[in-house]
Protein backbone atom coordinates (compact mmCIF):
# COMPACT_ATOMS: atom_id res chain seq x y z
CA UNK A 1 10.30 2.59 15.12
CA UNK A 2 13.49 4.71 14.81
CA UNK A 3 11.88 6.53 11.63
CA UNK A 4 9.84 9.53 12.37
CA UNK A 5 6.21 10.11 10.97
CA UNK A 6 7.67 12.56 8.96
CA UNK A 7 10.13 10.35 7.37
CA UNK A 8 7.58 7.57 6.76
CA UNK A 9 5.35 10.25 5.03
CA UNK A 10 8.19 11.34 2.62
CA UNK A 11 7.85 8.61 0.48
CA UNK A 12 4.28 9.77 -0.28
CA UNK A 13 4.71 13.35 -0.90
CA UNK A 14 8.08 15.09 -1.99
CA UNK A 15 8.25 18.79 -0.55
CA UNK A 16 8.78 21.74 -2.92
CA UNK A 17 11.70 23.96 -2.23
CA UNK A 18 11.00 26.96 -0.08
CA UNK A 19 10.69 30.20 -1.73
CA UNK A 20 12.95 33.03 -0.54
CA UNK A 21 16.13 32.48 1.50
CA UNK A 22 18.75 30.48 -0.13
CA UNK A 23 19.41 28.44 2.96
CA UNK A 24 15.74 27.17 2.83
CA UNK A 25 16.29 26.39 -0.77
CA UNK A 26 19.29 24.18 0.12
CA UNK A 27 17.41 22.48 2.79
CA UNK A 28 14.74 21.71 0.23
CA UNK A 29 16.99 20.05 -2.16
CA UNK A 30 18.75 18.03 0.60
CA UNK A 31 15.26 16.96 1.59
CA UNK A 32 14.30 15.90 -1.96
CA UNK A 33 17.79 13.95 -2.37
CA UNK A 34 16.86 12.14 0.91
CA UNK A 35 13.59 11.28 -0.40
CA UNK A 36 14.94 10.06 -3.75
CA UNK A 37 17.62 7.96 -1.98
CA UNK A 38 14.93 6.30 0.30
CA UNK A 39 12.73 5.57 -2.92
CA UNK A 40 15.70 4.08 -4.74
CA UNK A 41 16.57 1.83 -1.82
CA UNK A 42 13.17 0.53 -1.73
CA UNK A 43 12.72 -0.09 -5.37
CA UNK A 44 16.11 -1.76 -5.33
CA UNK A 45 15.27 -3.95 -2.62
CA UNK A 46 11.92 -5.02 -4.19
CA UNK A 47 13.58 -5.96 -7.31
CA UNK A 48 15.94 -8.21 -5.39
CA UNK A 49 13.23 -9.51 -3.10
CA UNK A 50 11.55 -10.71 -6.44
CA UNK A 51 14.66 -12.24 -7.88
CA UNK A 52 16.03 -13.89 -4.94
CA UNK A 53 13.51 -14.24 -2.38
CA UNK A 54 13.26 -12.01 1.03
CA UNK A 55 15.59 -14.33 3.07
CA UNK A 56 18.35 -14.40 0.47
CA UNK A 57 18.71 -10.66 0.08
CA UNK A 58 21.35 -8.72 2.54
CA UNK A 59 21.43 -5.16 3.27
CA UNK A 60 24.80 -5.14 1.38
CA UNK A 61 23.06 -6.46 -1.79
CA UNK A 62 20.30 -3.69 -1.51
CA UNK A 63 23.11 -1.00 -1.15
CA UNK A 64 24.98 -2.12 -3.83
CA UNK A 65 22.21 -2.19 -6.23
CA UNK A 66 21.02 1.19 -5.07
CA UNK A 67 24.85 2.49 -5.49
CA UNK A 68 25.01 3.91 -2.08
CA UNK A 69 27.24 3.17 1.01
CA UNK A 70 25.89 0.48 3.62
CA UNK A 71 25.62 3.13 6.17
CA UNK A 72 23.53 5.30 4.16
CA UNK A 73 20.74 2.49 4.37
CA UNK A 74 20.56 2.80 8.21
CA UNK A 75 19.81 6.60 7.85
CA UNK A 76 16.62 5.38 6.43
CA UNK A 77 15.66 2.08 7.66
CA UNK A 78 16.30 0.11 11.08
CA UNK A 79 16.75 -3.29 9.27
CA UNK A 80 16.02 -5.05 6.15
CA UNK A 81 12.41 -5.94 7.27
CA UNK A 82 11.73 -1.99 7.57
CA UNK A 83 12.07 -1.49 3.77
CA UNK A 84 8.84 -3.42 3.32
CA UNK A 85 7.15 -0.79 5.65
CA UNK A 86 7.33 1.64 2.94
CA UNK A 87 5.03 -0.74 0.96
CA UNK A 88 2.48 -0.45 3.66
CA UNK A 89 3.20 3.45 3.68
CA UNK A 90 2.24 3.64 -0.02
CA UNK A 91 -0.86 1.63 0.43
CA UNK A 92 -1.92 3.66 3.50
CA UNK A 93 -1.60 6.69 1.26
CA UNK A 94 -3.99 5.31 -1.41
CA UNK A 95 -6.49 4.50 1.23
CA UNK A 96 -6.33 8.08 2.71
CA UNK A 97 -6.83 9.46 -0.73
CA UNK A 98 -9.86 7.21 -1.10
CA UNK A 99 -11.24 8.43 2.20
CA UNK A 100 -10.70 12.02 0.99
CA UNK A 101 -12.61 11.50 -2.06
CA UNK A 102 -15.41 9.82 -0.23
CA UNK A 103 -15.69 12.89 2.13
CA UNK A 104 -16.24 15.09 -1.02
CA UNK A 105 -19.39 13.23 -1.80
CA UNK A 106 -18.76 13.69 -5.60
CA UNK A 107 -18.49 9.83 -6.41
CA UNK A 108 -20.53 7.02 -5.06
CA UNK A 109 -18.91 4.68 -2.52
CA UNK A 110 -19.03 1.89 -4.97
CA UNK A 111 -16.61 3.73 -7.39
CA UNK A 112 -14.46 4.71 -5.04
CA UNK A 113 -13.81 1.43 -3.58
CA UNK A 114 -13.36 -0.22 -6.86
CA UNK A 115 -10.76 2.24 -7.69
CA UNK A 116 -9.17 1.61 -4.48
CA UNK A 117 -8.86 -1.92 -5.12
CA UNK A 118 -7.33 -1.46 -8.33
CA UNK A 119 -4.69 0.93 -6.90
CA UNK A 120 -3.87 -1.53 -3.90
CA UNK A 121 -3.01 -4.16 -6.36
CA UNK A 122 -0.75 -2.07 -8.26
CA UNK A 123 2.70 -2.34 -6.10
CA UNK A 124 2.47 -6.08 -5.43
CA UNK A 125 1.08 -6.67 -8.90
CA UNK A 126 4.13 -5.62 -10.68
CA UNK A 127 5.01 -9.11 -11.20
CA UNK A 128 3.98 -12.52 -9.82
CA UNK A 129 7.60 -13.30 -8.41
CA UNK A 130 7.48 -9.90 -6.57
CA UNK A 131 4.12 -10.83 -5.00
CA UNK A 132 5.22 -14.27 -4.04
CA UNK A 133 8.47 -12.53 -2.40
CA UNK A 134 6.16 -10.19 -0.44
CA UNK A 135 3.82 -12.74 0.67
CA UNK A 136 6.63 -15.11 1.79
CA UNK A 137 8.36 -12.15 3.71
CA UNK A 138 4.92 -11.50 5.64
CA UNK A 139 4.89 -15.13 6.73
CA UNK A 140 8.81 -15.70 7.45
CA UNK A 141 9.75 -12.32 9.19
CA UNK A 142 8.38 -11.54 12.61
CA UNK A 143 9.42 -7.81 11.94
CA UNK A 144 7.60 -7.49 8.75
CA UNK A 145 4.45 -8.94 10.37
CA UNK A 146 4.78 -6.33 13.01
CA UNK A 147 4.98 -3.73 10.70
CA UNK A 148 2.14 -4.85 8.40
CA UNK A 149 -0.21 -5.77 11.54
CA UNK A 150 -0.08 -1.98 12.51
CA UNK A 151 -0.63 -0.74 8.92
CA UNK A 152 -3.32 -3.06 8.20
CA UNK A 153 -5.11 -2.21 11.30
CA UNK A 154 -4.89 1.56 10.39
CA UNK A 155 -6.23 0.69 6.69
CA UNK A 156 -9.14 -1.26 8.11
CA UNK A 157 -10.18 1.45 10.43
CA UNK A 158 -10.24 3.91 7.34
CA UNK A 159 -12.15 1.34 5.25
CA UNK A 160 -14.69 0.81 7.89
CA UNK A 161 -15.42 4.53 7.72
CA UNK A 162 -16.23 4.56 4.16
CA UNK A 163 -18.36 1.63 4.38
CA UNK A 164 -20.11 3.54 7.28
CA UNK A 165 -20.44 6.39 4.64
CA UNK A 166 -21.81 3.82 2.12
CA UNK A 167 -24.45 2.75 4.60
CA UNK A 168 -25.52 6.35 5.40
CA UNK A 169 -26.01 7.01 1.72
CA UNK A 170 -27.90 3.87 0.99
CA UNK A 171 -25.43 1.97 -1.03
CA UNK A 172 -24.28 -0.64 1.42
CA UNK A 173 -26.47 -2.91 3.48
CA UNK A 174 -26.94 -0.99 6.97
CA UNK A 175 -27.09 -4.31 8.82
CA UNK A 176 -23.72 -5.25 8.09
CA UNK A 177 -20.87 -4.53 10.71
CA UNK A 178 -18.50 -2.03 9.10
CA UNK A 179 -15.46 -3.64 10.88
CA UNK A 180 -16.36 -7.05 9.39
CA UNK A 181 -16.86 -5.66 5.87
CA UNK A 182 -13.61 -3.98 6.21
CA UNK A 183 -11.80 -7.37 6.95
CA UNK A 184 -13.79 -8.71 4.03
CA UNK A 185 -12.32 -5.98 1.86
CA UNK A 186 -8.84 -6.74 2.70
CA UNK A 187 -9.41 -10.43 2.32
CA UNK A 188 -10.73 -10.06 -1.15
CA UNK A 189 -7.50 -7.69 -2.20
CA UNK A 190 -4.75 -9.88 -0.50
CA UNK A 191 -6.47 -13.29 -1.18
CA UNK A 192 -6.85 -12.40 -4.90
CA UNK A 193 -3.04 -11.25 -5.16
CA UNK A 194 -2.00 -14.40 -3.54
CA UNK A 195 -3.96 -16.67 -6.01
CA UNK A 196 -3.02 -14.63 -8.96
CA UNK A 197 0.64 -14.76 -8.01
CA UNK A 198 0.26 -18.74 -8.02
CA UNK A 199 -1.43 -18.98 -11.53
CA UNK A 200 -0.13 -15.86 -13.42
CA UNK A 201 -2.88 -15.84 -15.60
CA UNK A 202 -5.25 -14.17 -16.43
CA UNK A 203 -3.83 -10.69 -15.80
CA UNK A 204 -4.29 -9.36 -12.05
CA UNK A 205 -6.50 -6.69 -13.36
CA UNK A 206 -9.00 -9.28 -14.52
CA UNK A 207 -8.68 -11.27 -10.92
CA UNK A 208 -9.03 -8.08 -9.07
CA UNK A 209 -12.16 -6.74 -10.97
CA UNK A 210 -13.94 -10.17 -10.55
CA UNK A 211 -13.21 -10.34 -6.86
CA UNK A 212 -14.34 -6.63 -6.44
CA UNK A 213 -17.58 -7.49 -8.18
CA UNK A 214 -18.27 -10.49 -6.00
CA UNK A 215 -17.32 -8.40 -2.73
CA UNK A 216 -19.58 -5.39 -3.85
CA UNK A 217 -22.60 -7.86 -4.57
CA UNK A 218 -22.20 -9.35 -0.79
CA UNK A 219 -22.56 -5.98 0.80
CA UNK A 220 -24.64 -3.84 -1.29
CA UNK A 221 -28.39 -3.14 -0.98
CA UNK A 222 -30.45 -5.43 -3.03
CA UNK A 223 -31.14 -3.78 -6.50
CA UNK A 224 -28.22 -1.05 -6.01
CA UNK A 225 -26.94 0.00 -9.29
CA UNK A 226 -23.39 -0.62 -10.11
CA UNK A 227 -21.17 1.11 -12.32
CA UNK A 228 -20.07 -0.78 -15.47
């Protein structure tokens, strides 16, 4: 992809202005404005996808909603499909944070995974219509599928690492294959969002909590204590 790794990470962490030289401060402000523009394009695109469906939204629609020129869009994204790559970046950022917490060994893996499930549901769970638009775009666009395939594979790798940590700590059944459990984790999250988007009630938070508890019972050692 044309976007560099740095530009993809920019959505997750806005750098602070450099101290000292005015030239450095100016560069910092420019970078922050660039990040803000990219976020605005992303948010406007999501809103339009939810209202009209992915296939019915053009680049011109997105730039008009974001109040920027059409050329500005292509400073940040190769095509409309790549806007949804930002969603994957945000989700991967959440998984990386969970991995970092697991490495600190201050919380049980159960608590870390439970919190992660909730956080992964935040973006697509903003509205049922948005969730349906995202799911339909994954099915309809080869470009979106290619982006998601790469990012989901990376996410599974990190989740598998946390599963292995849970096995080492005696929380998760050591007989289970960590890679398969990681796939099951993503199935629980994505499948739950799909079903919720169709029914809309009860709230997604309820659906997600119920799904996680079923998931955890399927992988936990017998008698392993769970947090309420």
